[in-house]
Amino acid sequence: QINVEDYATLEIITKALSNKIRLAILDALLKHGELCACELEIAMGTPQPTITLNLHRLYYAGLLKRREESKYTYYSVKDTYLPLISCILRMNESQTKMVEKA
């Protein structure tokens, strides 16, 4: 028998990944390792409250770890999720290239 509750964690993760801002944040974190909200704000051209909200959603979904230093909080992708997130972002790159060729 299939227990639907076995998929609760996966549901939380997939919901966290179903947003283009959060995907862009994850892409930046994969490329740079560790960033704070202010660095993401500059890199993405997105208001800091939007960045902070989405960082918190990724963090509470369990995808990110954070480290506080002085008045800044730095975020990075948890090692456990590096392969999954890398795979998803590579799929996006492949889809983008296919659309560009069409």
Protein backbone atom coordinates (compact mmCIF):
# COMPACT_ATOMS: atom_id res chain seq x y z
CA GLN A 1 0.00 0.00 0.00
CA ILE A 2 1.18 3.52 -0.78
CA ASN A 3 1.41 5.91 2.15
CA VAL A 4 0.86 9.43 0.88
CA GLU A 5 2.57 10.90 3.95
CA ASP A 6 5.85 9.38 2.77
CA TYR A 7 5.92 12.18 0.19
CA ALA A 8 5.52 15.12 2.60
CA THR A 9 9.19 16.13 2.48
CA LEU A 10 9.32 15.85 -1.29
CA GLU A 11 6.22 18.02 -1.51
CA ILE A 12 7.89 20.74 0.57
CA ILE A 13 11.03 20.62 -1.58
CA THR A 14 9.20 20.70 -4.91
CA LYS A 15 7.08 23.64 -3.75
CA ALA A 16 10.23 25.49 -2.78
CA LEU A 17 11.68 24.82 -6.23
CA SER A 18 8.56 25.96 -8.10
CA ASN A 19 9.49 29.64 -8.23
CA LYS A 20 11.80 31.36 -10.72
CA ILE A 21 13.29 33.72 -8.13
CA ARG A 22 14.15 30.82 -5.82
CA LEU A 23 15.65 28.88 -8.73
CA ALA A 24 17.78 31.90 -9.67
CA ILE A 25 18.91 32.21 -6.04
CA LEU A 26 19.89 28.53 -6.01
CA ASP A 27 21.78 28.98 -9.28
CA ALA A 28 23.72 31.92 -7.84
CA LEU A 29 24.49 29.96 -4.67
CA LEU A 30 25.75 27.00 -6.69
CA LYS A 31 28.02 29.26 -8.74
CA HIS A 32 29.36 31.32 -5.83
CA GLY A 33 29.07 28.91 -2.89
CA GLU A 34 27.88 31.33 -0.24
CA LEU A 35 26.11 34.69 -0.52
CA CYS A 36 24.17 37.11 1.64
CA ALA A 37 20.87 38.73 0.66
CA CYS A 38 22.55 42.04 -0.22
CA GLU A 39 24.87 40.30 -2.71
CA LEU A 40 21.91 38.51 -4.30
CA GLU A 41 19.96 41.76 -4.47
CA ILE A 42 22.76 43.39 -6.49
CA ALA A 43 23.37 40.36 -8.71
CA MET A 44 19.70 39.75 -9.49
CA GLY A 45 18.39 43.32 -9.48
CA THR A 46 15.59 42.20 -7.19
CA PRO A 47 14.49 44.09 -4.05
CA GLN A 48 16.06 42.80 -0.83
CA PRO A 49 12.71 42.00 0.87
CA THR A 50 11.87 39.68 -2.05
CA ILE A 51 15.29 38.03 -1.85
CA THR A 52 15.02 37.61 1.93
CA LEU A 53 11.53 36.11 1.74
CA ASN A 54 12.64 33.57 -0.86
CA LEU A 55 15.85 32.73 1.01
CA HIS A 56 13.74 31.98 4.08
CA ARG A 57 11.43 29.74 2.07
CA LEU A 58 14.39 27.79 0.72
CA TYR A 59 15.93 27.59 4.18
CA TYR A 60 12.76 26.36 5.87
CA ALA A 61 12.28 23.80 3.09
CA GLY A 62 15.62 22.41 4.24
CA LEU A 63 17.58 23.21 1.08
CA LEU A 64 19.91 25.84 2.51
CA LYS A 65 22.24 26.26 5.43
CA ARG A 66 23.06 29.64 6.88
CA ARG A 67 25.88 31.26 8.76
CA GLU A 68 25.73 34.55 10.63
CA GLU A 69 28.69 36.90 10.59
CA SER A 70 28.36 40.33 12.15
CA LYS A 71 25.12 41.81 10.81
CA TYR A 72 25.02 39.58 7.72
CA THR A 73 23.57 36.12 7.19
CA TYR A 74 25.24 34.04 4.52
CA TYR A 75 23.39 31.23 2.74
CA SER A 76 24.62 28.19 0.84
CA VAL A 77 23.07 25.02 -0.53
CA LYS A 78 23.18 22.02 1.81
CA ASP A 79 25.60 19.41 0.52
CA THR A 80 22.81 16.80 0.51
CA TYR A 81 20.89 18.76 -2.11
CA LEU A 82 23.76 19.86 -4.38
CA PRO A 83 23.27 16.97 -6.87
CA LEU A 84 19.50 17.46 -7.07
CA ILE A 85 19.65 21.21 -7.55
CA SER A 86 22.51 20.95 -10.05
CA CYS A 87 20.49 18.45 -12.06
CA ILE A 88 17.38 20.66 -12.08
CA LEU A 89 19.34 23.72 -13.14
CA ARG A 90 21.08 21.75 -15.91
CA MET A 91 17.63 20.72 -17.16
CA ASN A 92 16.72 24.40 -17.35
CA GLU A 93 19.87 25.19 -19.33
CA SER A 94 19.06 22.37 -21.76
CA GLN A 95 15.49 23.59 -22.21
CA THR A 96 16.67 27.16 -22.79
CA LYS A 97 19.11 26.02 -25.49
CA MET A 98 16.38 23.96 -27.20
CA VAL A 99 14.02 26.95 -27.27
CA GLU A 100 16.76 29.21 -28.65
CA LYS A 101 17.42 26.75 -31.51
CA ALA A 102 13.74 26.45 -32.43
